[in-house]
């Protein structure tokens, strides 16, 4: 099943987030939300490749909070994050068929996408 919806407030935006704990501690990732519902993510490291995900969705819970979830086809993990636009805090949950981890960190809105 492919679900792809994003609130208009995320269309064309790129968010950069860094987790301060968990298996991706200290790693920074950029996520770009297209108006067609696809999500592209990449490591913020130079030369990193883009990953296009179509099994994704986001919900605007309030003016300050969005919840984003997507299934990474390559890794098999689903990442679900709550993003507080007012404070820049994020809490995420990554899981696959056998592992589950909670992570927390921060994010910033970089602006309109490069593409």
PDB file of N, CA and C in Angstrom:
ATOM      1  N   UNK A   1       0.825  -1.172   0.000  1.00  0.00           N
ATOM      2  CA  UNK A   1       0.000   0.000   0.000  1.00  0.00           C
ATOM      3  C   UNK A   1       0.871   1.237   0.000  1.00  0.00           C
ATOM      4  N   UNK A   2       0.530   2.208  -0.797  1.00  0.00           N
ATOM      5  CA  UNK A   2       1.297   3.445  -0.875  1.00  0.00           C
ATOM      6  C   UNK A   2       0.420   4.605  -0.422  1.00  0.00           C
ATOM      7  N   UNK A   3       0.845   5.263   0.643  1.00  0.00           N
ATOM      8  CA  UNK A   3       0.127   6.419   1.160  1.00  0.00           C
ATOM      9  C   UNK A   3       1.066   7.605   1.091  1.00  0.00           C
ATOM     10  N   UNK A   4       0.635   8.678   0.466  1.00  0.00           N
ATOM     11  CA  UNK A   4       1.495   9.849   0.334  1.00  0.00           C
ATOM     12  C   UNK A   4       0.665  11.111   0.456  1.00  0.00           C
ATOM     13  N   UNK A   5       0.716  11.728   1.618  1.00  0.00           N
ATOM     14  CA  UNK A   5       0.044  13.003   1.822  1.00  0.00           C
ATOM     15  C   UNK A   5       0.878  13.860   2.755  1.00  0.00           C
ATOM     16  N   UNK A   6       0.915  15.128   2.454  1.00  0.00           N
ATOM     17  CA  UNK A   6       1.593  16.083   3.323  1.00  0.00           C
ATOM     18  C   UNK A   6       0.733  17.320   3.449  1.00  0.00           C
ATOM     19  N   UNK A   7       0.702  17.943   4.623  1.00  0.00           N
ATOM     20  CA  UNK A   7      -0.005  19.216   4.724  1.00  0.00           C
ATOM     21  C   UNK A   7       0.697  20.257   3.855  1.00  0.00           C
ATOM     22  N   UNK A   8      -0.071  21.194   3.329  1.00  0.00           N
ATOM     23  CA  UNK A   8       0.494  22.229   2.452  1.00  0.00           C
ATOM     24  C   UNK A   8       1.631  22.983   3.123  1.00  0.00           C
ATOM     25  N   UNK A   9       1.619  23.071   4.444  1.00  0.00           N
ATOM     26  CA  UNK A   9       2.666  23.796   5.166  1.00  0.00           C
ATOM     27  C   UNK A   9       4.044  23.157   5.008  1.00  0.00           C
ATOM     28  N   UNK A  10       4.106  21.893   4.561  1.00  0.00           N
ATOM     29  CA  UNK A  10       5.400  21.227   4.338  1.00  0.00           C
ATOM     30  C   UNK A  10       5.791  21.156   2.867  1.00  0.00           C
ATOM     31  N   UNK A  11       4.862  21.425   1.959  1.00  0.00           N
ATOM     32  CA  UNK A  11       5.150  21.304   0.522  1.00  0.00           C
ATOM     33  C   UNK A  11       6.369  22.136   0.135  1.00  0.00           C
ATOM     34  N   UNK A  12       7.314  21.489  -0.528  1.00  0.00           N
ATOM     35  CA  UNK A  12       8.498  22.169  -1.025  1.00  0.00           C
ATOM     36  C   UNK A  12       9.528  22.509   0.024  1.00  0.00           C
ATOM     37  N   UNK A  13       9.298  22.151   1.261  1.00  0.00           N
ATOM     38  CA  UNK A  13      10.227  22.477   2.343  1.00  0.00           C
ATOM     39  C   UNK A  13      11.262  21.371   2.518  1.00  0.00           C
ATOM     40  N   UNK A  14      12.459  21.773   2.929  1.00  0.00           N
ATOM     41  CA  UNK A  14      13.490  20.828   3.324  1.00  0.00           C
ATOM     42  C   UNK A  14      13.770  21.043   4.801  1.00  0.00           C
ATOM     43  N   UNK A  15      13.697  19.965   5.570  1.00  0.00           N
ATOM     44  CA  UNK A  15      13.996  19.992   6.999  1.00  0.00           C
ATOM     45  C   UNK A  15      15.262  19.193   7.236  1.00  0.00           C
ATOM     46  N   UNK A  16      16.136  19.735   8.049  1.00  0.00           N
ATOM     47  CA  UNK A  16      17.385  19.053   8.406  1.00  0.00           C
ATOM     48  C   UNK A  16      17.302  18.691   9.877  1.00  0.00           C
ATOM     49  N   UNK A  17      17.405  17.378  10.175  1.00  0.00           N
ATOM     50  CA  UNK A  17      17.379  17.010  11.577  1.00  0.00           C
ATOM     51  C   UNK A  17      18.535  16.137  11.961  1.00  0.00           C
ATOM     52  N   UNK A  18      18.880  16.233  13.254  1.00  0.00           N
ATOM     53  CA  UNK A  18      19.989  15.495  13.841  1.00  0.00           C
ATOM     54  C   UNK A  18      19.499  14.842  15.123  1.00  0.00           C
ATOM     55  N   UNK A  19      19.736  13.543  15.247  1.00  0.00           N
ATOM     56  CA  UNK A  19      19.362  12.854  16.480  1.00  0.00           C
ATOM     57  C   UNK A  19      20.540  12.898  17.446  1.00  0.00           C
ATOM     58  N   UNK A  20      20.237  13.087  18.727  1.00  0.00           N
ATOM     59  CA  UNK A  20      21.299  13.158  19.736  1.00  0.00           C
ATOM     60  C   UNK A  20      21.492  11.843  20.475  1.00  0.00           C
ATOM     61  N   UNK A  21      20.696  10.826  20.121  1.00  0.00           N
ATOM     62  CA  UNK A  21      20.845   9.510  20.741  1.00  0.00           C
ATOM     63  C   UNK A  21      20.401   8.442  19.743  1.00  0.00           C
ATOM     64  N   UNK A  22      20.516   7.202  20.152  1.00  0.00           N
ATOM     65  CA  UNK A  22      20.118   6.099  19.270  1.00  0.00           C
ATOM     66  C   UNK A  22      21.182   5.751  18.257  1.00  0.00           C
ATOM     67  N   UNK A  23      20.864   4.843  17.334  1.00  0.00           N
ATOM     68  CA  UNK A  23      21.858   4.349  16.376  1.00  0.00           C
ATOM     69  C   UNK A  23      22.328   5.392  15.367  1.00  0.00           C
ATOM     70  N   UNK A  24      21.572   6.466  15.168  1.00  0.00           N
ATOM     71  CA  UNK A  24      22.008   7.524  14.242  1.00  0.00           C
ATOM     72  C   UNK A  24      22.446   8.776  15.008  1.00  0.00           C
ATOM     73  N   UNK A  25      22.883   8.596  16.255  1.00  0.00           N
ATOM     74  CA  UNK A  25      23.348   9.692  17.095  1.00  0.00           C
ATOM     75  C   UNK A  25      24.398  10.523  16.354  1.00  0.00           C
ATOM     76  N   UNK A  26      24.163  11.841  16.304  1.00  0.00           N
ATOM     77  CA  UNK A  26      25.121  12.745  15.692  1.00  0.00           C
ATOM     78  C   UNK A  26      25.040  12.843  14.178  1.00  0.00           C
ATOM     79  N   UNK A  27      24.250  11.999  13.542  1.00  0.00           N
ATOM     80  CA  UNK A  27      24.099  12.050  12.090  1.00  0.00           C
ATOM     81  C   UNK A  27      23.012  13.051  11.722  1.00  0.00           C
ATOM     82  N   UNK A  28      23.232  13.772  10.643  1.00  0.00           N
ATOM     83  CA  UNK A  28      22.284  14.778  10.176  1.00  0.00           C
ATOM     84  C   UNK A  28      21.683  14.329   8.851  1.00  0.00           C
ATOM     85  N   UNK A  29      20.376  14.495   8.736  1.00  0.00           N
ATOM     86  CA  UNK A  29      19.634  14.085   7.545  1.00  0.00           C
ATOM     87  C   UNK A  29      18.768  15.228   7.060  1.00  0.00           C
ATOM     88  N   UNK A  30      18.614  15.317   5.744  1.00  0.00           N
ATOM     89  CA  UNK A  30      17.719  16.305   5.146  1.00  0.00           C
ATOM     90  C   UNK A  30      16.531  15.572   4.541  1.00  0.00           C
ATOM     91  N   UNK A  31      15.335  16.105   4.761  1.00  0.00           N
ATOM     92  CA  UNK A  31      14.090  15.533   4.249  1.00  0.00           C
ATOM     93  C   UNK A  31      13.353  16.611   3.479  1.00  0.00           C
ATOM     94  N   UNK A  32      13.015  16.334   2.222  1.00  0.00           N
ATOM     95  CA  UNK A  32      12.309  17.295   1.372  1.00  0.00           C
ATOM     96  C   UNK A  32      10.927  16.730   1.055  1.00  0.00           C
ATOM     97  N   UNK A  33       9.913  17.562   1.246  1.00  0.00           N
ATOM     98  CA  UNK A  33       8.517  17.155   1.100  1.00  0.00           C
ATOM     99  C   UNK A  33       7.941  17.750  -0.176  1.00  0.00           C
ATOM    100  N   UNK A  34       7.625  16.899  -1.142  1.00  0.00           N
ATOM    101  CA  UNK A  34       7.079  17.357  -2.422  1.00  0.00           C
ATOM    102  C   UNK A  34       5.561  17.459  -2.342  1.00  0.00           C
ATOM    103  N   UNK A  35       4.995  18.333  -3.155  1.00  0.00           N
ATOM    104  CA  UNK A  35       3.541  18.515  -3.160  1.00  0.00           C
ATOM    105  C   UNK A  35       2.807  17.285  -3.690  1.00  0.00           C
ATOM    106  N   UNK A  36       3.517  16.396  -4.419  1.00  0.00           N
ATOM    107  CA  UNK A  36       2.874  15.166  -4.907  1.00  0.00           C
ATOM    108  C   UNK A  36       2.859  14.068  -3.850  1.00  0.00           C
ATOM    109  N   UNK A  37       3.365  14.356  -2.641  1.00  0.00           N
ATOM    110  CA  UNK A  37       3.334  13.393  -1.553  1.00  0.00           C
ATOM    111  C   UNK A  37       4.573  12.536  -1.422  1.00  0.00           C
ATOM    112  N   UNK A  38       5.545  12.698  -2.319  1.00  0.00           N
ATOM    113  CA  UNK A  38       6.781  11.934  -2.169  1.00  0.00           C
ATOM    114  C   UNK A  38       7.717  12.667  -1.218  1.00  0.00           C
ATOM    115  N   UNK A  39       8.567  11.898  -0.599  1.00  0.00           N
ATOM    116  CA  UNK A  39       9.546  12.421   0.338  1.00  0.00           C
ATOM    117  C   UNK A  39      10.918  11.980  -0.144  1.00  0.00           C
ATOM    118  N   UNK A  40      11.854  12.903  -0.198  1.00  0.00           N
ATOM    119  CA  UNK A  40      13.231  12.570  -0.542  1.00  0.00           C
ATOM    120  C   UNK A  40      14.092  12.861   0.677  1.00  0.00           C
ATOM    121  N   UNK A  41      14.899  11.886   1.077  1.00  0.00           N
ATOM    122  CA  UNK A  41      15.798  12.108   2.206  1.00  0.00           C
ATOM    123  C   UNK A  41      17.209  11.733   1.808  1.00  0.00           C
ATOM    124  N   UNK A  42      18.147  12.330   2.514  1.00  0.00           N
ATOM    125  CA  UNK A  42      19.561  12.075   2.259  1.00  0.00           C
ATOM    126  C   UNK A  42      20.354  12.399   3.526  1.00  0.00           C
ATOM    127  N   UNK A  43      21.481  11.788   3.649  1.00  0.00           N
ATOM    128  CA  UNK A  43      22.422  12.188   4.688  1.00  0.00           C
ATOM    129  C   UNK A  43      22.935  13.565   4.304  1.00  0.00           C
ATOM    130  N   UNK A  44      23.243  14.394   5.281  1.00  0.00           N
ATOM    131  CA  UNK A  44      23.768  15.726   4.990  1.00  0.00           C
ATOM    132  C   UNK A  44      25.263  15.677   4.675  1.00  0.00           C
ATOM    133  N   UNK A  45      25.848  14.491   4.635  1.00  0.00           N
ATOM    134  CA  UNK A  45      27.263  14.336   4.294  1.00  0.00           C
ATOM    135  C   UNK A  45      27.482  14.631   2.818  1.00  0.00           C
ATOM    136  N   UNK A  46      28.624  15.217   2.464  1.00  0.00           N
ATOM    137  CA  UNK A  46      28.910  15.496   1.051  1.00  0.00           C
ATOM    138  C   UNK A  46      28.866  14.218   0.214  1.00  0.00           C
ATOM    139  N   UNK A  47      28.250  14.305  -0.942  1.00  0.00           N
ATOM    140  CA  UNK A  47      28.193  13.185  -1.866  1.00  0.00           C
ATOM    141  C   UNK A  47      27.145  12.132  -1.554  1.00  0.00           C
ATOM    142  N   UNK A  48      26.338  12.355  -0.523  1.00  0.00           N
ATOM    143  CA  UNK A  48      25.314  11.362  -0.158  1.00  0.00           C
ATOM    144  C   UNK A  48      24.250  11.280  -1.240  1.00  0.00           C
ATOM    145  N   UNK A  49      23.705  10.083  -1.426  1.00  0.00           N
ATOM    146  CA  UNK A  49      22.683   9.905  -2.455  1.00  0.00           C
ATOM    147  C   UNK A  49      21.291  10.170  -1.895  1.00  0.00           C
ATOM    148  N   UNK A  50      20.385  10.559  -2.794  1.00  0.00           N
ATOM    149  CA  UNK A  50      18.989  10.787  -2.437  1.00  0.00           C
ATOM    150  C   UNK A  50      18.240   9.464  -2.384  1.00  0.00           C
ATOM    151  N   UNK A  51      17.272   9.388  -1.485  1.00  0.00           N
ATOM    152  CA  UNK A  51      16.378   8.239  -1.363  1.00  0.00           C
ATOM    153  C   UNK A  51      14.956   8.769  -1.526  1.00  0.00           C
ATOM    154  N   UNK A  52      14.257   8.321  -2.548  1.00  0.00           N
ATOM    155  CA  UNK A  52      12.893   8.759  -2.816  1.00  0.00           C
ATOM    156  C   UNK A  52      11.924   7.755  -2.210  1.00  0.00           C
ATOM    157  N   UNK A  53      11.028   8.237  -1.351  1.00  0.00           N
ATOM    158  CA  UNK A  53      10.063   7.362  -0.685  1.00  0.00           C
ATOM    159  C   UNK A  53       8.652   7.792  -1.054  1.00  0.00           C
ATOM    160  N   UNK A  54       7.837   6.833  -1.479  1.00  0.00           N
ATOM    161  CA  UNK A  54       6.449   7.131  -1.814  1.00  0.00           C
ATOM    162  C   UNK A  54       5.489   6.654  -0.730  1.00  0.00           C
ATOM    163  N   UNK A  55       5.932   5.762   0.150  1.00  0.00           N
ATOM    164  CA  UNK A  55       5.100   5.315   1.274  1.00  0.00           C
ATOM    165  C   UNK A  55       5.371   6.233   2.447  1.00  0.00           C
ATOM    166  N   UNK A  56       4.671   7.364   2.447  1.00  0.00           N
ATOM    167  CA  UNK A  56       4.946   8.401   3.429  1.00  0.00           C
ATOM    168  C   UNK A  56       3.706   9.244   3.660  1.00  0.00           C
ATOM    169  N   UNK A  57       3.677   9.896   4.816  1.00  0.00           N
ATOM    170  CA  UNK A  57       2.565  10.788   5.130  1.00  0.00           C
ATOM    171  C   UNK A  57       2.991  11.721   6.249  1.00  0.00           C
ATOM    172  N   UNK A  58       2.287  12.829   6.369  1.00  0.00           N
ATOM    173  CA  UNK A  58       2.490  13.758   7.471  1.00  0.00           C
ATOM    174  C   UNK A  58       1.132  14.320   7.858  1.00  0.00           C
ATOM    175  N   UNK A  59       0.998  14.620   9.137  1.00  0.00           N
ATOM    176  CA  UNK A  59      -0.231  15.185   9.659  1.00  0.00           C
ATOM    177  C   UNK A  59       0.121  16.416  10.472  1.00  0.00           C
ATOM    178  N   UNK A  60      -0.592  17.496  10.224  1.00  0.00           N
ATOM    179  CA  UNK A  60      -0.435  18.712  11.020  1.00  0.00           C
ATOM    180  C   UNK A  60      -1.324  18.565  12.246  1.00  0.00           C
ATOM    181  N   UNK A  61      -0.707  18.367  13.407  1.00  0.00           N
ATOM    182  CA  UNK A  61      -1.457  18.169  14.640  1.00  0.00           C
ATOM    183  C   UNK A  61      -1.919  19.497  15.238  1.00  0.00           C
ATOM    184  N   UNK A  62      -1.099  20.532  15.052  1.00  0.00           N
ATOM    185  CA  UNK A  62      -1.415  21.880  15.523  1.00  0.00           C
ATOM    186  C   UNK A  62      -0.552  22.835  14.713  1.00  0.00           C
ATOM    187  N   UNK A  63      -0.653  24.113  14.958  1.00  0.00           N
ATOM    188  CA  UNK A  63       0.189  25.066  14.240  1.00  0.00           C
ATOM    189  C   UNK A  63       1.670  24.787  14.461  1.00  0.00           C
ATOM    190  N   UNK A  64       2.004  24.191  15.607  1.00  0.00           N
ATOM    191  CA  UNK A  64       3.407  23.975  15.971  1.00  0.00           C
ATOM    192  C   UNK A  64       3.906  22.548  15.781  1.00  0.00           C
ATOM    193  N   UNK A  65       3.027  21.576  15.645  1.00  0.00           N
ATOM    194  CA  UNK A  65       3.450  20.173  15.646  1.00  0.00           C
ATOM    195  C   UNK A  65       2.972  19.432  14.401  1.00  0.00           C
ATOM    196  N   UNK A  66       3.924  18.760  13.736  1.00  0.00           N
ATOM    197  CA  UNK A  66       3.624  17.856  12.622  1.00  0.00           C
ATOM    198  C   UNK A  66       4.167  16.475  12.995  1.00  0.00           C
ATOM    199  N   UNK A  67       3.479  15.441  12.535  1.00  0.00           N
ATOM    200  CA  UNK A  67       3.970  14.075  12.670  1.00  0.00           C
ATOM    201  C   UNK A  67       4.205  13.549  11.256  1.00  0.00           C
ATOM    202  N   UNK A  68       5.416  13.033  11.018  1.00  0.00           N
ATOM    203  CA  UNK A  68       5.812  12.526   9.708  1.00  0.00           C
ATOM    204  C   UNK A  68       6.174  11.054   9.857  1.00  0.00           C
ATOM    205  N   UNK A  69       5.769  10.244   8.882  1.00  0.00           N
ATOM    206  CA  UNK A  69       6.122   8.828   8.898  1.00  0.00           C
ATOM    207  C   UNK A  69       6.397   8.363   7.475  1.00  0.00           C
ATOM    208  N   UNK A  70       7.430   7.545   7.327  1.00  0.00           N
ATOM    209  CA  UNK A  70       7.705   6.963   6.010  1.00  0.00           C
ATOM    210  C   UNK A  70       8.422   5.629   6.159  1.00  0.00           C
ATOM    211  N   UNK A  71       8.239   4.799   5.136  1.00  0.00           N
ATOM    212  CA  UNK A  71       8.910   3.510   5.048  1.00  0.00           C
ATOM    213  C   UNK A  71      10.073   3.642   4.085  1.00  0.00           C
ATOM    214  N   UNK A  72      11.280   3.375   4.568  1.00  0.00           N
ATOM    215  CA  UNK A  72      12.459   3.383   3.713  1.00  0.00           C
ATOM    216  C   UNK A  72      12.532   2.051   2.984  1.00  0.00           C
ATOM    217  N   UNK A  73      12.374   2.103   1.667  1.00  0.00           N
ATOM    218  CA  UNK A  73      12.412   0.873   0.862  1.00  0.00           C
ATOM    219  C   UNK A  73      13.765   0.177   0.987  1.00  0.00           C
ATOM    220  N   UNK A  74      14.823   0.967   1.052  1.00  0.00           N
ATOM    221  CA  UNK A  74      16.173   0.394   1.063  1.00  0.00           C
ATOM    222  C   UNK A  74      16.495  -0.315   2.376  1.00  0.00           C
ATOM    223  N   UNK A  75      16.209   0.319   3.507  1.00  0.00           N
ATOM    224  CA  UNK A  75      16.586  -0.262   4.795  1.00  0.00           C
ATOM    225  C   UNK A  75      15.498  -1.144   5.395  1.00  0.00           C
ATOM    226  N   UNK A  76      14.244  -0.949   4.965  1.00  0.00           N
ATOM    227  CA  UNK A  76      13.136  -1.702   5.550  1.00  0.00           C
ATOM    228  C   UNK A  76      12.636  -1.119   6.862  1.00  0.00           C
ATOM    229  N   UNK A  77      13.186   0.008   7.280  1.00  0.00           N
ATOM    230  CA  UNK A  77      12.755   0.672   8.507  1.00  0.00           C
ATOM    231  C   UNK A  77      11.650   1.676   8.225  1.00  0.00           C
ATOM    232  N   UNK A  78      10.727   1.776   9.159  1.00  0.00           N
ATOM    233  CA  UNK A  78       9.751   2.858   9.160  1.00  0.00           C
ATOM    234  C   UNK A  78      10.215   3.866  10.198  1.00  0.00           C
ATOM    235  N   UNK A  79      10.252   5.137   9.801  1.00  0.00           N
ATOM    236  CA  UNK A  79      10.607   6.208  10.713  1.00  0.00           C
ATOM    237  C   UNK A  79       9.381   7.079  10.908  1.00  0.00           C
ATOM    238  N   UNK A  80       9.022   7.302  12.146  1.00  0.00           N
ATOM    239  CA  UNK A  80       7.930   8.193  12.499  1.00  0.00           C
ATOM    240  C   UNK A  80       8.489   9.229  13.452  1.00  0.00           C
ATOM    241  N   UNK A  81       8.315  10.515  13.127  1.00  0.00           N
ATOM    242  CA  UNK A  81       8.853  11.589  13.961  1.00  0.00           C
ATOM    243  C   UNK A  81       7.785  12.634  14.235  1.00  0.00           C
ATOM    244  N   UNK A  82       7.831  13.161  15.440  1.00  0.00           N
ATOM    245  CA  UNK A  82       7.022  14.321  15.805  1.00  0.00           C
ATOM    246  C   UNK A  82       7.956  15.521  15.769  1.00  0.00           C
ATOM    247  N   UNK A  83       7.560  16.555  15.036  1.00  0.00           N
ATOM    248  CA  UNK A  83       8.378  17.750  14.850  1.00  0.00           C
ATOM    249  C   UNK A  83       7.669  18.941  15.486  1.00  0.00           C
ATOM    250  N   UNK A  84       8.307  19.581  16.454  1.00  0.00           N
ATOM    251  CA  UNK A  84       7.737  20.767  17.074  1.00  0.00           C
ATOM    252  C   UNK A  84       8.338  21.989  16.390  1.00  0.00           C
ATOM    253  N   UNK A  85       7.562  22.640  15.531  1.00  0.00           N
ATOM    254  CA  UNK A  85       8.060  23.769  14.749  1.00  0.00           C
ATOM    255  C   UNK A  85       8.391  24.978  15.611  1.00  0.00           C
ATOM    256  N   UNK A  86       7.788  25.081  16.772  1.00  0.00           N
ATOM    257  CA  UNK A  86       8.043  26.212  17.669  1.00  0.00           C
ATOM    258  C   UNK A  86       9.383  26.074  18.385  1.00  0.00           C
ATOM    259  N   UNK A  87       9.698  24.847  18.838  1.00  0.00           N
ATOM    260  CA  UNK A  87      10.913  24.643  19.632  1.00  0.00           C
ATOM    261  C   UNK A  87      12.068  24.041  18.838  1.00  0.00           C
ATOM    262  N   UNK A  88      11.777  23.433  17.679  1.00  0.00           N
ATOM    263  CA  UNK A  88      12.819  22.760  16.900  1.00  0.00           C
ATOM    264  C   UNK A  88      13.182  21.388  17.445  1.00  0.00           C
ATOM    265  N   UNK A  89      12.366  20.859  18.364  1.00  0.00           N
ATOM    266  CA  UNK A  89      12.627  19.536  18.941  1.00  0.00           C
ATOM    267  C   UNK A  89      11.932  18.466  18.122  1.00  0.00           C
ATOM    268  N   UNK A  90      12.552  17.287  18.076  1.00  0.00           N
ATOM    269  CA  UNK A  90      11.937  16.139  17.420  1.00  0.00           C
ATOM    270  C   UNK A  90      12.140  14.887  18.263  1.00  0.00           C
ATOM    271  N   UNK A  91      11.148  14.016  18.209  1.00  0.00           N
ATOM    272  CA  UNK A  91      11.245  12.685  18.793  1.00  0.00           C
ATOM    273  C   UNK A  91      10.810  11.709  17.722  1.00  0.00           C
ATOM    274  N   UNK A  92      11.608  10.662  17.531  1.00  0.00           N
ATOM    275  CA  UNK A  92      11.321   9.721  16.462  1.00  0.00           C
ATOM    276  C   UNK A  92      11.345   8.287  16.940  1.00  0.00           C
ATOM    277  N   UNK A  93      10.674   7.443  16.161  1.00  0.00           N
ATOM    278  CA  UNK A  93      10.629   6.009  16.415  1.00  0.00           C
ATOM    279  C   UNK A  93      10.958   5.301  15.115  1.00  0.00           C
ATOM    280  N   UNK A  94      11.978   4.458  15.132  1.00  0.00           N
ATOM    281  CA  UNK A  94      12.376   3.682  13.963  1.00  0.00           C
ATOM    282  C   UNK A  94      12.141   2.213  14.281  1.00  0.00           C
ATOM    283  N   UNK A  95      11.552   1.509  13.319  1.00  0.00           N
ATOM    284  CA  UNK A  95      11.295   0.095  13.560  1.00  0.00           C
ATOM    285  C   UNK A  95      11.299  -0.682  12.250  1.00  0.00           C
ATOM    286  N   UNK A  96      11.612  -1.971  12.375  1.00  0.00           N
ATOM    287  CA  UNK A  96      11.482  -2.911  11.263  1.00  0.00           C
ATOM    288  C   UNK A  96      10.837  -4.161  11.843  1.00  0.00           C
ATOM    289  N   UNK A  97      10.974  -5.283  11.200  1.00  0.00           N
ATOM    290  CA  UNK A  97      10.333  -6.496  11.684  1.00  0.00           C
ATOM    291  C   UNK A  97      10.869  -7.039  12.994  1.00  0.00           C
ATOM    292  N   UNK A  98      12.056  -6.585  13.419  1.00  0.00           N
ATOM    293  CA  UNK A  98      12.620  -7.140  14.657  1.00  0.00           C
ATOM    294  C   UNK A  98      13.215  -6.102  15.607  1.00  0.00           C
ATOM    295  N   UNK A  99      13.474  -4.888  15.153  1.00  0.00           N
ATOM    296  CA  UNK A  99      14.078  -3.871  16.010  1.00  0.00           C
ATOM    297  C   UNK A  99      13.163  -2.664  16.148  1.00  0.00           C
ATOM    298  N   UNK A 100      13.264  -1.993  17.300  1.00  0.00           N
ATOM    299  CA  UNK A 100      12.520  -0.774  17.567  1.00  0.00           C
ATOM    300  C   UNK A 100      13.425   0.126  18.396  1.00  0.00           C
ATOM    301  N   UNK A 101      13.473   1.420  18.057  1.00  0.00           N
ATOM    302  CA  UNK A 101      14.301   2.350  18.813  1.00  0.00           C
ATOM    303  C   UNK A 101      13.631   3.719  18.841  1.00  0.00           C
ATOM    304  N   UNK A 102      13.748   4.385  19.976  1.00  0.00           N
ATOM    305  CA  UNK A 102      13.284   5.759  20.108  1.00  0.00           C
ATOM    306  C   UNK A 102      14.505   6.665  20.061  1.00  0.00           C
ATOM    307  N   UNK A 103      14.373   7.791  19.362  1.00  0.00           N
ATOM    308  CA  UNK A 103      15.463   8.754  19.245  1.00  0.00           C
ATOM    309  C   UNK A 103      14.909  10.157  19.448  1.00  0.00           C
ATOM    310  N   UNK A 104      15.744  11.053  19.937  1.00  0.00           N
ATOM    311  CA  UNK A 104      15.336  12.445  20.072  1.00  0.00           C
ATOM    312  C   UNK A 104      16.424  13.327  19.500  1.00  0.00           C
ATOM    313  N   UNK A 105      16.048  14.538  19.154  1.00  0.00           N
ATOM    314  CA  UNK A 105      17.026  15.454  18.578  1.00  0.00           C
ATOM    315  C   UNK A 105      16.415  16.797  18.276  1.00  0.00           C
ATOM    316  N   UNK A 106      16.978  17.445  17.278  1.00  0.00           N
ATOM    317  CA  UNK A 106      16.517  18.771  16.895  1.00  0.00           C
ATOM    318  C   UNK A 106      16.489  18.865  15.373  1.00  0.00           C
ATOM    319  N   UNK A 107      15.791  19.904  14.878  1.00  0.00           N
ATOM    320  CA  UNK A 107      15.708  20.097  13.443  1.00  0.00           C
ATOM    321  C   UNK A 107      15.595  21.574  13.140  1.00  0.00           C
ATOM    322  N   UNK A 108      15.831  21.878  11.865  1.00  0.00           N
ATOM    323  CA  UNK A 108      15.643  23.238  11.373  1.00  0.00           C
ATOM    324  C   UNK A 108      15.005  23.162   9.984  1.00  0.00           C
ATOM    325  N   UNK A 109      14.247  24.186   9.672  1.00  0.00           N
ATOM    326  CA  UNK A 109      13.634  24.289   8.338  1.00  0.00           C
ATOM    327  C   UNK A 109      14.612  25.046   7.459  1.00  0.00           C
ATOM    328  N   UNK A 110      15.093  24.392   6.400  1.00  0.00           N
ATOM    329  CA  UNK A 110      16.056  25.027   5.520  1.00  0.00           C
ATOM    330  C   UNK A 110      15.371  25.912   4.493  1.00  0.00           C
ATOM    331  N   UNK A 111      14.083  25.660   4.235  1.00  0.00           N
ATOM    332  CA  UNK A 111      13.360  26.470   3.268  1.00  0.00           C
ATOM    333  C   UNK A 111      12.872  25.637   2.112  1.00  0.00           C
ATOM    334  N   UNK A 112      12.754  26.288   0.958  1.00  0.00           N
ATOM    335  CA  UNK A 112      12.233  25.630  -0.231  1.00  0.00           C
ATOM    336  C   UNK A 112      13.253  24.627  -0.758  1.00  0.00           C
ATOM    337  N   UNK A 113      12.748  23.568  -1.375  1.00  0.00           N
ATOM    338  CA  UNK A 113      13.612  22.511  -1.896  1.00  0.00           C
ATOM    339  C   UNK A 113      14.498  23.013  -3.025  1.00  0.00           C
ATOM    340  N   UNK A 114      15.577  22.291  -3.229  1.00  0.00           N
ATOM    341  CA  UNK A 114      16.530  22.637  -4.279  1.00  0.00           C
ATOM    342  C   UNK A 114      16.073  22.182  -5.638  1.00  0.00           C
ATOM    343  N   UNK A 115      15.110  21.268  -5.706  1.00  0.00           N
ATOM    344  CA  UNK A 115      14.697  20.728  -7.002  1.00  0.00           C
ATOM    345  C   UNK A 115      13.466  21.401  -7.529  1.00  0.00           C
TER     346      UNK A 115
END
